[in-house]
PDB file of N, CA and C in Angstrom:
ATOM      1  N   GLY A   1      36.659 -41.460 -14.791  1.00  0.00           N
ATOM      2  CA  GLY A   1      35.895 -40.629 -13.859  1.00  0.00           C
ATOM      3  C   GLY A   1      36.232 -39.151 -14.022  1.00  0.00           C
ATOM      4  N   PRO A   2      35.642 -38.332 -13.190  1.00  0.00           N
ATOM      5  CA  PRO A   2      35.859 -36.881 -13.299  1.00  0.00           C
ATOM      6  C   PRO A   2      37.315 -36.480 -13.068  1.00  0.00           C
ATOM      7  N   MET A   3      38.019 -37.227 -12.199  1.00  0.00           N
ATOM      8  CA  MET A   3      39.411 -36.879 -11.938  1.00  0.00           C
ATOM      9  C   MET A   3      40.258 -37.040 -13.193  1.00  0.00           C
ATOM     10  N   LEU A   4      39.995 -38.111 -13.931  1.00  0.00           N
ATOM     11  CA  LEU A   4      40.752 -38.346 -15.149  1.00  0.00           C
ATOM     12  C   LEU A   4      40.470 -37.234 -16.153  1.00  0.00           C
ATOM     13  N   ASP A   5      39.207 -36.829 -16.236  1.00  0.00           N
ATOM     14  CA  ASP A   5      38.840 -35.737 -17.130  1.00  0.00           C
ATOM     15  C   ASP A   5      39.597 -34.473 -16.750  1.00  0.00           C
ATOM     16  N   LEU A   6      39.694 -34.241 -15.430  1.00  0.00           N
ATOM     17  CA  LEU A   6      40.394 -33.057 -14.943  1.00  0.00           C
ATOM     18  C   LEU A   6      41.866 -33.116 -15.352  1.00  0.00           C
ATOM     19  N   TYR A   7      42.479 -34.289 -15.175  1.00  0.00           N
ATOM     20  CA  TYR A   7      43.879 -34.455 -15.576  1.00  0.00           C
ATOM     21  C   TYR A   7      44.051 -34.192 -17.069  1.00  0.00           C
ATOM     22  N   ASN A   8      43.130 -34.725 -17.875  1.00  0.00           N
ATOM     23  CA  ASN A   8      43.217 -34.537 -19.318  1.00  0.00           C
ATOM     24  C   ASN A   8      43.071 -33.070 -19.681  1.00  0.00           C
ATOM     25  N   MET A   9      42.135 -32.399 -18.999  1.00  0.00           N
ATOM     26  CA  MET A   9      41.900 -30.982 -19.235  1.00  0.00           C
ATOM     27  C   MET A   9      43.174 -30.193 -18.922  1.00  0.00           C
ATOM     28  N   ILE A  10      43.774 -30.516 -17.774  1.00  0.00           N
ATOM     29  CA  ILE A  10      44.991 -29.819 -17.356  1.00  0.00           C
ATOM     30  C   ILE A  10      46.124 -30.106 -18.335  1.00  0.00           C
ATOM     31  N   GLY A  11      46.244 -31.372 -18.723  1.00  0.00           N
ATOM     32  CA  GLY A  11      47.282 -31.747 -19.671  1.00  0.00           C
ATOM     33  C   GLY A  11      47.153 -30.983 -20.972  1.00  0.00           C
ATOM     34  N   ALA A  12      45.917 -30.779 -21.403  1.00  0.00           N
ATOM     35  CA  ALA A  12      45.670 -30.055 -22.643  1.00  0.00           C
ATOM     36  C   ALA A  12      45.952 -28.565 -22.480  1.00  0.00           C
ATOM     37  N   LEU A  13      45.706 -28.040 -21.276  1.00  0.00           N
ATOM     38  CA  LEU A  13      45.801 -26.601 -21.080  1.00  0.00           C
ATOM     39  C   LEU A  13      47.166 -26.102 -20.638  1.00  0.00           C
ATOM     40  N   ILE A  14      47.889 -26.911 -19.873  1.00  0.00           N
ATOM     41  CA  ILE A  14      49.134 -26.411 -19.285  1.00  0.00           C
ATOM     42  C   ILE A  14      50.121 -25.854 -20.317  1.00  0.00           C
ATOM     43  N   PRO A  15      50.318 -26.512 -21.459  1.00  0.00           N
ATOM     44  CA  PRO A  15      51.301 -25.953 -22.390  1.00  0.00           C
ATOM     45  C   PRO A  15      50.950 -24.546 -22.860  1.00  0.00           C
ATOM     46  N   THR A  16      49.669 -24.191 -22.838  1.00  0.00           N
ATOM     47  CA  THR A  16      49.264 -22.870 -23.306  1.00  0.00           C
ATOM     48  C   THR A  16      48.722 -22.009 -22.174  1.00  0.00           C
ATOM     49  N   ALA A  17      48.724 -22.542 -20.949  1.00  0.00           N
ATOM     50  CA  ALA A  17      48.110 -21.809 -19.841  1.00  0.00           C
ATOM     51  C   ALA A  17      48.953 -20.620 -19.419  1.00  0.00           C
ATOM     52  N   GLY A  18      48.279 -19.559 -19.032  1.00  0.00           N
ATOM     53  CA  GLY A  18      48.967 -18.399 -18.487  1.00  0.00           C
ATOM     54  C   GLY A  18      49.868 -17.736 -19.516  1.00  0.00           C
ATOM     55  N   PRO A  19      50.755 -16.884 -19.036  1.00  0.00           N
ATOM     56  CA  PRO A  19      51.626 -16.128 -19.953  1.00  0.00           C
ATOM     57  C   PRO A  19      52.804 -16.975 -20.415  1.00  0.00           C
ATOM     58  N   THR A  20      52.527 -17.993 -21.234  1.00  0.00           N
ATOM     59  CA  THR A  20      53.584 -18.933 -21.625  1.00  0.00           C
ATOM     60  C   THR A  20      54.665 -18.282 -22.465  1.00  0.00           C
ATOM     61  N   LYS A  21      54.343 -17.203 -23.164  1.00  0.00           N
ATOM     62  CA  LYS A  21      55.370 -16.568 -23.990  1.00  0.00           C
ATOM     63  C   LYS A  21      56.516 -16.066 -23.115  1.00  0.00           C
ATOM     64  N   ALA A  22      56.174 -15.710 -21.885  1.00  0.00           N
ATOM     65  CA  ALA A  22      57.202 -15.259 -20.952  1.00  0.00           C
ATOM     66  C   ALA A  22      57.923 -16.452 -20.312  1.00  0.00           C
ATOM     67  N   HIS A  23      57.283 -17.610 -20.357  1.00  0.00           N
ATOM     68  CA  HIS A  23      57.855 -18.812 -19.729  1.00  0.00           C
ATOM     69  C   HIS A  23      57.831 -19.970 -20.719  1.00  0.00           C
ATOM     70  N   PRO A  24      58.679 -19.930 -21.730  1.00  0.00           N
ATOM     71  CA  PRO A  24      58.589 -20.982 -22.749  1.00  0.00           C
ATOM     72  C   PRO A  24      59.178 -22.311 -22.298  1.00  0.00           C
ATOM     73  N   ASP A  25      59.814 -22.306 -21.113  1.00  0.00           N
ATOM     74  CA  ASP A  25      60.589 -23.479 -20.739  1.00  0.00           C
ATOM     75  C   ASP A  25      59.764 -24.551 -20.045  1.00  0.00           C
ATOM     76  N   ASP A  26      60.306 -25.758 -20.045  1.00  0.00           N
ATOM     77  CA  ASP A  26      59.625 -26.898 -19.436  1.00  0.00           C
ATOM     78  C   ASP A  26      59.526 -26.756 -17.924  1.00  0.00           C
ATOM     79  N   ALA A  27      60.474 -26.046 -17.325  1.00  0.00           N
ATOM     80  CA  ALA A  27      60.460 -25.886 -15.869  1.00  0.00           C
ATOM     81  C   ALA A  27      59.172 -25.195 -15.427  1.00  0.00           C
ATOM     82  N   TYR A  28      58.728 -24.228 -16.235  1.00  0.00           N
ATOM     83  CA  TYR A  28      57.488 -23.536 -15.907  1.00  0.00           C
ATOM     84  C   TYR A  28      56.317 -24.512 -15.926  1.00  0.00           C
ATOM     85  N   ARG A  29      56.263 -25.316 -16.977  1.00  0.00           N
ATOM     86  CA  ARG A  29      55.169 -26.282 -17.081  1.00  0.00           C
ATOM     87  C   ARG A  29      55.228 -27.292 -15.946  1.00  0.00           C
ATOM     88  N   GLU A  30      56.441 -27.711 -15.601  1.00  0.00           N
ATOM     89  CA  GLU A  30      56.587 -28.666 -14.501  1.00  0.00           C
ATOM     90  C   GLU A  30      56.123 -28.051 -13.193  1.00  0.00           C
ATOM     91  N   GLY A  31      56.487 -26.795 -12.978  1.00  0.00           N
ATOM     92  CA  GLY A  31      56.058 -26.098 -11.771  1.00  0.00           C
ATOM     93  C   GLY A  31      54.550 -25.987 -11.719  1.00  0.00           C
ATOM     94  N   TYR A  32      53.971 -25.695 -12.871  1.00  0.00           N
ATOM     95  CA  TYR A  32      52.516 -25.585 -12.974  1.00  0.00           C
ATOM     96  C   TYR A  32      51.875 -26.930 -12.657  1.00  0.00           C
ATOM     97  N   ALA A  33      52.433 -27.986 -13.241  1.00  0.00           N
ATOM     98  CA  ALA A  33      51.891 -29.329 -13.016  1.00  0.00           C
ATOM     99  C   ALA A  33      51.971 -29.699 -11.539  1.00  0.00           C
ATOM    100  N   THR A  34      53.068 -29.307 -10.883  1.00  0.00           N
ATOM    101  CA  THR A  34      53.229 -29.589  -9.458  1.00  0.00           C
ATOM    102  C   THR A  34      52.187 -28.846  -8.643  1.00  0.00           C
ATOM    103  N   ALA A  35      51.961 -27.578  -8.984  1.00  0.00           N
ATOM    104  CA  ALA A  35      50.966 -26.777  -8.268  1.00  0.00           C
ATOM    105  C   ALA A  35      49.579 -27.387  -8.436  1.00  0.00           C
ATOM    106  N   VAL A  36      49.280 -27.827  -9.657  1.00  0.00           N
ATOM    107  CA  VAL A  36      47.991 -28.468  -9.922  1.00  0.00           C
ATOM    108  C   VAL A  36      47.879 -29.764  -9.127  1.00  0.00           C
ATOM    109  N   ASP A  37      48.975 -30.512  -9.106  1.00  0.00           N
ATOM    110  CA  ASP A  37      49.001 -31.778  -8.385  1.00  0.00           C
ATOM    111  C   ASP A  37      48.730 -31.572  -6.894  1.00  0.00           C
ATOM    112  N   ASP A  38      49.352 -30.538  -6.323  1.00  0.00           N
ATOM    113  CA  ASP A  38      49.124 -30.228  -4.909  1.00  0.00           C
ATOM    114  C   ASP A  38      47.657 -29.891  -4.664  1.00  0.00           C
ATOM    115  N   ALA A  39      47.068 -29.153  -5.603  1.00  0.00           N
ATOM    116  CA  ALA A  39      45.657 -28.803  -5.466  1.00  0.00           C
ATOM    117  C   ALA A  39      44.786 -30.052  -5.554  1.00  0.00           C
ATOM    118  N   LEU A  40      45.169 -30.978  -6.438  1.00  0.00           N
ATOM    119  CA  LEU A  40      44.389 -32.210  -6.589  1.00  0.00           C
ATOM    120  C   LEU A  40      44.434 -33.062  -5.326  1.00  0.00           C
ATOM    121  N   LYS A  41      45.517 -32.926  -4.540  1.00  0.00           N
ATOM    122  CA  LYS A  41      45.616 -33.698  -3.300  1.00  0.00           C
ATOM    123  C   LYS A  41      44.563 -33.271  -2.290  1.00  0.00           C
ATOM    124  N   LYS A  42      43.999 -32.074  -2.485  1.00  0.00           N
ATOM    125  CA  LYS A  42      42.988 -31.578  -1.552  1.00  0.00           C
ATOM    126  C   LYS A  42      41.573 -31.877  -2.030  1.00  0.00           C
ATOM    127  N   VAL A  43      41.470 -32.626  -3.120  1.00  0.00           N
ATOM    128  CA  VAL A  43      40.154 -32.914  -3.682  1.00  0.00           C
ATOM    129  C   VAL A  43      39.254 -33.629  -2.676  1.00  0.00           C
ATOM    130  N   ASP A  44      39.842 -34.514  -1.865  1.00  0.00           N
ATOM    131  CA  ASP A  44      39.034 -35.237  -0.874  1.00  0.00           C
ATOM    132  C   ASP A  44      38.414 -34.291   0.141  1.00  0.00           C
ATOM    133  N   GLN A  45      39.210 -33.318   0.621  1.00  0.00           N
ATOM    134  CA  GLN A  45      38.720 -32.369   1.616  1.00  0.00           C
ATOM    135  C   GLN A  45      37.684 -31.424   1.019  1.00  0.00           C
ATOM    136  N   ALA A  46      37.995 -30.869  -0.133  1.00  0.00           N
ATOM    137  CA  ALA A  46      37.157 -29.819  -0.705  1.00  0.00           C
ATOM    138  C   ALA A  46      37.106 -29.977  -2.219  1.00  0.00           C
ATOM    139  N   PRO A  47      36.352 -30.979  -2.694  1.00  0.00           N
ATOM    140  CA  PRO A  47      36.368 -31.266  -4.140  1.00  0.00           C
ATOM    141  C   PRO A  47      35.949 -30.081  -4.998  1.00  0.00           C
ATOM    142  N   ASP A  48      34.900 -29.366  -4.575  1.00  0.00           N
ATOM    143  CA  ASP A  48      34.417 -28.247  -5.383  1.00  0.00           C
ATOM    144  C   ASP A  48      35.439 -27.117  -5.415  1.00  0.00           C
ATOM    145  N   ALA A  49      35.999 -26.809  -4.240  1.00  0.00           N
ATOM    146  CA  ALA A  49      36.975 -25.722  -4.154  1.00  0.00           C
ATOM    147  C   ALA A  49      38.228 -26.060  -4.950  1.00  0.00           C
ATOM    148  N   SER A  50      38.664 -27.304  -4.858  1.00  0.00           N
ATOM    149  CA  SER A  50      39.861 -27.733  -5.571  1.00  0.00           C
ATOM    150  C   SER A  50      39.671 -27.606  -7.080  1.00  0.00           C
ATOM    151  N   THR A  51      38.543 -28.099  -7.566  1.00  0.00           N
ATOM    152  CA  THR A  51      38.251 -28.015  -8.998  1.00  0.00           C
ATOM    153  C   THR A  51      38.123 -26.566  -9.439  1.00  0.00           C
ATOM    154  N   ALA A  52      37.437 -25.759  -8.617  1.00  0.00           N
ATOM    155  CA  ALA A  52      37.237 -24.346  -8.948  1.00  0.00           C
ATOM    156  C   ALA A  52      38.571 -23.605  -8.977  1.00  0.00           C
ATOM    157  N   ALA A  53      39.448 -23.936  -8.021  1.00  0.00           N
ATOM    158  CA  ALA A  53      40.752 -23.267  -7.952  1.00  0.00           C
ATOM    159  C   ALA A  53      41.582 -23.580  -9.193  1.00  0.00           C
ATOM    160  N   ILE A  54      41.569 -24.847  -9.610  1.00  0.00           N
ATOM    161  CA  ILE A  54      42.337 -25.244 -10.790  1.00  0.00           C
ATOM    162  C   ILE A  54      41.756 -24.588 -12.039  1.00  0.00           C
ATOM    163  N   ALA A  55      40.430 -24.612 -12.152  1.00  0.00           N
ATOM    164  CA  ALA A  55      39.781 -24.013 -13.322  1.00  0.00           C
ATOM    165  C   ALA A  55      40.089 -22.518 -13.400  1.00  0.00           C
ATOM    166  N   PHE A  56      40.031 -21.841 -12.242  1.00  0.00           N
ATOM    167  CA  PHE A  56      40.316 -20.404 -12.216  1.00  0.00           C
ATOM    168  C   PHE A  56      41.783 -20.146 -12.562  1.00  0.00           C
ATOM    169  N   ALA A  57      42.672 -20.963 -12.020  1.00  0.00           N
ATOM    170  CA  ALA A  57      44.106 -20.787 -12.279  1.00  0.00           C
ATOM    171  C   ALA A  57      44.406 -20.872 -13.768  1.00  0.00           C
ATOM    172  N   LEU A  58      43.715 -21.770 -14.456  1.00  0.00           N
ATOM    173  CA  LEU A  58      43.970 -21.963 -15.883  1.00  0.00           C
ATOM    174  C   LEU A  58      43.476 -20.792 -16.716  1.00  0.00           C
ATOM    175  N   GLU A  59      42.563 -19.983 -16.140  1.00  0.00           N
ATOM    176  CA  GLU A  59      42.012 -18.845 -16.879  1.00  0.00           C
ATOM    177  C   GLU A  59      42.755 -17.547 -16.598  1.00  0.00           C
ATOM    178  N   THR A  60      43.368 -17.451 -15.407  1.00  0.00           N
ATOM    179  CA  THR A  60      43.905 -16.167 -14.971  1.00  0.00           C
ATOM    180  C   THR A  60      45.387 -16.037 -15.273  1.00  0.00           C
ATOM    181  N   ASP A  61      45.874 -14.802 -15.305  1.00  0.00           N
ATOM    182  CA  ASP A  61      47.312 -14.576 -15.392  1.00  0.00           C
ATOM    183  C   ASP A  61      47.926 -15.006 -14.070  1.00  0.00           C
ATOM    184  N   GLU A  62      49.161 -15.465 -14.115  1.00  0.00           N
ATOM    185  CA  GLU A  62      49.844 -15.897 -12.893  1.00  0.00           C
ATOM    186  C   GLU A  62      49.065 -16.991 -12.175  1.00  0.00           C
ATOM    187  N   GLY A  63      48.499 -17.897 -12.945  1.00  0.00           N
ATOM    188  CA  GLY A  63      47.714 -18.984 -12.370  1.00  0.00           C
ATOM    189  C   GLY A  63      48.519 -19.886 -11.452  1.00  0.00           C
ATOM    190  N   MET A  64      49.792 -20.082 -11.790  1.00  0.00           N
ATOM    191  CA  MET A  64      50.629 -20.935 -10.955  1.00  0.00           C
ATOM    192  C   MET A  64      50.822 -20.300  -9.584  1.00  0.00           C
ATOM    193  N   THR A  65      51.024 -18.983  -9.552  1.00  0.00           N
ATOM    194  CA  THR A  65      51.177 -18.276  -8.279  1.00  0.00           C
ATOM    195  C   THR A  65      49.888 -18.370  -7.478  1.00  0.00           C
ATOM    196  N   PHE A  66      48.766 -18.195  -8.168  1.00  0.00           N
ATOM    197  CA  PHE A  66      47.462 -18.317  -7.514  1.00  0.00           C
ATOM    198  C   PHE A  66      47.320 -19.691  -6.858  1.00  0.00           C
ATOM    199  N   LEU A  67      47.641 -20.749  -7.607  1.00  0.00           N
ATOM    200  CA  LEU A  67      47.489 -22.106  -7.077  1.00  0.00           C
ATOM    201  C   LEU A  67      48.399 -22.344  -5.881  1.00  0.00           C
ATOM    202  N   ARG A  68      49.604 -21.784  -5.941  1.00  0.00           N
ATOM    203  CA  ARG A  68      50.519 -21.966  -4.815  1.00  0.00           C
ATOM    204  C   ARG A  68      49.964 -21.302  -3.565  1.00  0.00           C
ATOM    205  N   CYS A  69      49.414 -20.098  -3.714  1.00  0.00           N
ATOM    206  CA  CYS A  69      48.776 -19.424  -2.573  1.00  0.00           C
ATOM    207  C   CYS A  69      47.624 -20.274  -2.051  1.00  0.00           C
ATOM    208  N   TRP A  70      46.832 -20.802  -2.972  1.00  0.00           N
ATOM    209  CA  TRP A  70      45.666 -21.606  -2.584  1.00  0.00           C
ATOM    210  C   TRP A  70      46.117 -22.862  -1.844  1.00  0.00           C
ATOM    211  N   ASN A  71      47.147 -23.517  -2.375  1.00  0.00           N
ATOM    212  CA  ASN A  71      47.661 -24.734  -1.739  1.00  0.00           C
ATOM    213  C   ASN A  71      48.177 -24.458  -0.335  1.00  0.00           C
ATOM    214  N   GLU A  72      48.768 -23.279  -0.152  1.00  0.00           N
ATOM    215  CA  GLU A  72      49.342 -22.929   1.146  1.00  0.00           C
ATOM    216  C   GLU A  72      48.300 -22.342   2.089  1.00  0.00           C
ATOM    217  N   GLY A  73      47.076 -22.170   1.594  1.00  0.00           N
ATOM    218  CA  GLY A  73      46.022 -21.616   2.435  1.00  0.00           C
ATOM    219  C   GLY A  73      46.155 -20.115   2.632  1.00  0.00           C
ATOM    220  N   ASP A  74      46.852 -19.453   1.718  1.00  0.00           N
ATOM    221  CA  ASP A  74      47.039 -18.001   1.822  1.00  0.00           C
ATOM    222  C   ASP A  74      45.884 -17.287   1.118  1.00  0.00           C
ATOM    223  N   PHE A  75      44.696 -17.417   1.711  1.00  0.00           N
ATOM    224  CA  PHE A  75      43.491 -16.897   1.065  1.00  0.00           C
ATOM    225  C   PHE A  75      43.430 -15.371   1.097  1.00  0.00           C
ATOM    226  N   ASP A  76      44.098 -14.752   2.077  1.00  0.00           N
ATOM    227  CA  ASP A  76      44.143 -13.287   2.116  1.00  0.00           C
ATOM    228  C   ASP A  76      44.858 -12.747   0.880  1.00  0.00           C
ATOM    229  N   ALA A  77      45.955 -13.403   0.524  1.00  0.00           N
ATOM    230  CA  ALA A  77      46.703 -12.986  -0.667  1.00  0.00           C
ATOM    231  C   ALA A  77      45.835 -13.142  -1.908  1.00  0.00           C
ATOM    232  N   ILE A  78      45.061 -14.217  -1.956  1.00  0.00           N
ATOM    233  CA  ILE A  78      44.187 -14.445  -3.108  1.00  0.00           C
ATOM    234  C   ILE A  78      43.145 -13.340  -3.214  1.00  0.00           C
ATOM    235  N   ARG A  79      42.539 -12.977  -2.082  1.00  0.00           N
ATOM    236  CA  ARG A  79      41.532 -11.911  -2.111  1.00  0.00           C
ATOM    237  C   ARG A  79      42.138 -10.588  -2.556  1.00  0.00           C
ATOM    238  N   ARG A  80      43.394 -10.367  -2.160  1.00  0.00           N
ATOM    239  CA  ARG A  80      44.074  -9.120  -2.493  1.00  0.00           C
ATOM    240  C   ARG A  80      44.493  -9.101  -3.964  1.00  0.00           C
ATOM    241  N   GLU A  81      45.117 -10.186  -4.411  1.00  0.00           N
ATOM    242  CA  GLU A  81      45.705 -10.218  -5.754  1.00  0.00           C
ATOM    243  C   GLU A  81      44.720 -10.636  -6.843  1.00  0.00           C
ATOM    244  N   TRP A  82      43.757 -11.467  -6.469  1.00  0.00           N
ATOM    245  CA  TRP A  82      42.769 -11.958  -7.447  1.00  0.00           C
ATOM    246  C   TRP A  82      41.362 -11.710  -6.918  1.00  0.00           C
ATOM    247  N   PRO A  83      40.955 -10.432  -6.836  1.00  0.00           N
ATOM    248  CA  PRO A  83      39.627 -10.128  -6.280  1.00  0.00           C
ATOM    249  C   PRO A  83      38.495 -10.750  -7.100  1.00  0.00           C
ATOM    250  N   GLU A  84      38.795 -11.097  -8.352  1.00  0.00           N
ATOM    251  CA  GLU A  84      37.752 -11.672  -9.217  1.00  0.00           C
ATOM    252  C   GLU A  84      37.588 -13.174  -9.018  1.00  0.00           C
ATOM    253  N   ALA A  85      38.410 -13.773  -8.155  1.00  0.00           N
ATOM    254  CA  ALA A  85      38.297 -15.217  -7.912  1.00  0.00           C
ATOM    255  C   ALA A  85      36.905 -15.551  -7.378  1.00  0.00           C
ATOM    256  N   PRO A  86      36.284 -16.600  -7.906  1.00  0.00           N
ATOM    257  CA  PRO A  86      34.915 -16.942  -7.478  1.00  0.00           C
ATOM    258  C   PRO A  86      34.873 -17.476  -6.050  1.00  0.00           C
ATOM    259  N   ASP A  87      33.726 -17.310  -5.401  1.00  0.00           N
ATOM    260  CA  ASP A  87      33.536 -17.804  -4.034  1.00  0.00           C
ATOM    261  C   ASP A  87      33.843 -19.294  -3.927  1.00  0.00           C
ATOM    262  N   GLU A  88      33.603 -20.036  -5.014  1.00  0.00           N
ATOM    263  CA  GLU A  88      33.782 -21.490  -4.986  1.00  0.00           C
ATOM    264  C   GLU A  88      35.197 -21.901  -4.602  1.00  0.00           C
ATOM    265  N   VAL A  89      36.191 -21.059  -4.912  1.00  0.00           N
ATOM    266  CA  VAL A  89      37.563 -21.463  -4.596  1.00  0.00           C
ATOM    267  C   VAL A  89      37.821 -21.417  -3.090  1.00  0.00           C
ATOM    268  N   PHE A  90      36.978 -20.688  -2.357  1.00  0.00           N
ATOM    269  CA  PHE A  90      37.142 -20.575  -0.904  1.00  0.00           C
ATOM    270  C   PHE A  90      36.280 -21.568  -0.137  1.00  0.00           C
ATOM    271  N   GLU A  91      35.108 -21.876  -0.671  1.00  0.00           N
ATOM    272  CA  GLU A  91      34.145 -22.699   0.064  1.00  0.00           C
ATOM    273  C   GLU A  91      34.691 -24.093   0.334  1.00  0.00           C
ATOM    274  N   GLY A  92      34.788 -24.445   1.617  1.00  0.00           N
ATOM    275  CA  GLY A  92      35.298 -25.749   1.995  1.00  0.00           C
ATOM    276  C   GLY A  92      36.810 -25.776   2.142  1.00  0.00           C
ATOM    277  N   ALA A  93      37.486 -24.798   1.548  1.00  0.00           N
ATOM    278  CA  ALA A  93      38.948 -24.755   1.623  1.00  0.00           C
ATOM    279  C   ALA A  93      39.410 -23.738   2.661  1.00  0.00           C
ATOM    280  N   ASP A  94      38.721 -22.603   2.695  1.00  0.00           N
ATOM    281  CA  ASP A  94      39.074 -21.533   3.625  1.00  0.00           C
ATOM    282  C   ASP A  94      38.151 -21.607   4.828  1.00  0.00           C
ATOM    283  N   PRO A  95      38.684 -21.997   6.003  1.00  0.00           N
ATOM    284  CA  PRO A  95      37.822 -22.157   7.187  1.00  0.00           C
ATOM    285  C   PRO A  95      37.154 -20.857   7.614  1.00  0.00           C
ATOM    286  N   LEU A  96      37.721 -19.712   7.225  1.00  0.00           N
ATOM    287  CA  LEU A  96      37.153 -18.430   7.634  1.00  0.00           C
ATOM    288  C   LEU A  96      36.135 -17.897   6.639  1.00  0.00           C
ATOM    289  N   PHE A  97      36.008 -18.596   5.495  1.00  0.00           N
ATOM    290  CA  PHE A  97      35.132 -18.064   4.456  1.00  0.00           C
ATOM    291  C   PHE A  97      33.667 -18.181   4.825  1.00  0.00           C
ATOM    292  N   LYS A  98      32.976 -17.054   4.701  1.00  0.00           N
ATOM    293  CA  LYS A  98      31.514 -17.053   4.810  1.00  0.00           C
ATOM    294  C   LYS A  98      31.014 -16.362   3.550  1.00  0.00           C
ATOM    295  N   ARG A  99      30.169 -17.040   2.816  1.00  0.00           N
ATOM    296  CA  ARG A  99      29.616 -16.426   1.607  1.00  0.00           C
ATOM    297  C   ARG A  99      28.771 -15.233   2.043  1.00  0.00           C
ATOM    298  N   SER A 100      29.183 -14.040   1.630  1.00  0.00           N
ATOM    299  CA  SER A 100      28.455 -12.859   2.085  1.00  0.00           C
ATOM    300  C   SER A 100      27.231 -12.653   1.217  1.00  0.00           C
ATOM    301  N   PRO A 101      26.072 -12.431   1.836  1.00  0.00           N
ATOM    302  CA  PRO A 101      24.844 -12.268   1.055  1.00  0.00           C
ATOM    303  C   PRO A 101      24.947 -11.094   0.094  1.00  0.00           C
ATOM    304  N   SER A 102      25.604 -10.017   0.527  1.00  0.00           N
ATOM    305  CA  SER A 102      25.713  -8.838  -0.325  1.00  0.00           C
ATOM    306  C   SER A 102      26.474  -9.165  -1.605  1.00  0.00           C
ATOM    307  N   ARG A 103      27.539  -9.989  -1.450  1.00  0.00           N
ATOM    308  CA  ARG A 103      28.354 -10.314  -2.609  1.00  0.00           C
ATOM    309  C   ARG A 103      27.616 -11.259  -3.553  1.00  0.00           C
ATOM    310  N   ALA A 104      26.807 -12.130  -2.973  1.00  0.00           N
ATOM    311  CA  ALA A 104      26.097 -13.108  -3.795  1.00  0.00           C
ATOM    312  C   ALA A 104      25.054 -12.419  -4.668  1.00  0.00           C
ATOM    313  N   SER A 105      24.403 -11.369  -4.118  1.00  0.00           N
ATOM    314  CA  SER A 105      23.332 -10.722  -4.866  1.00  0.00           C
ATOM    315  C   SER A 105      23.864  -9.615  -5.767  1.00  0.00           C
ATOM    316  N   ALA A 106      25.052  -9.105  -5.464  1.00  0.00           N
ATOM    317  CA  ALA A 106      25.612  -8.032  -6.285  1.00  0.00           C
ATOM    318  C   ALA A 106      26.015  -8.566  -7.653  1.00  0.00           C
ATOM    319  N   GLY A 107      25.986  -7.682  -8.640  1.00  0.00           N
ATOM    320  CA  GLY A 107      26.423  -8.102  -9.965  1.00  0.00           C
ATOM    321  C   GLY A 107      25.246  -8.067 -10.891  1.00  0.00           C
TER     322      GLY A 107
END
């Protein structure tokens, strides 16, 4: 199913995800895997947001930090530190999130 695909995708990406040259050790990968795992636990509540958060984390610098903020519901920090994060990571996960029409049409 899609969850297995997600796990495979993460498994393939984690060794090279983020600034690995700065974190060559297994502890970093384990921490990343834990952060991803925590995000996957929220798939039932907000499947789209959970998938979007993981996908975004794998693309951005400091993805593990991003995921930890997301897991803890620290969406203000995400808006501040990762302004480029897509609306999808908030929808269904952040109770205060309202998709702003101006933001949707801008770009």
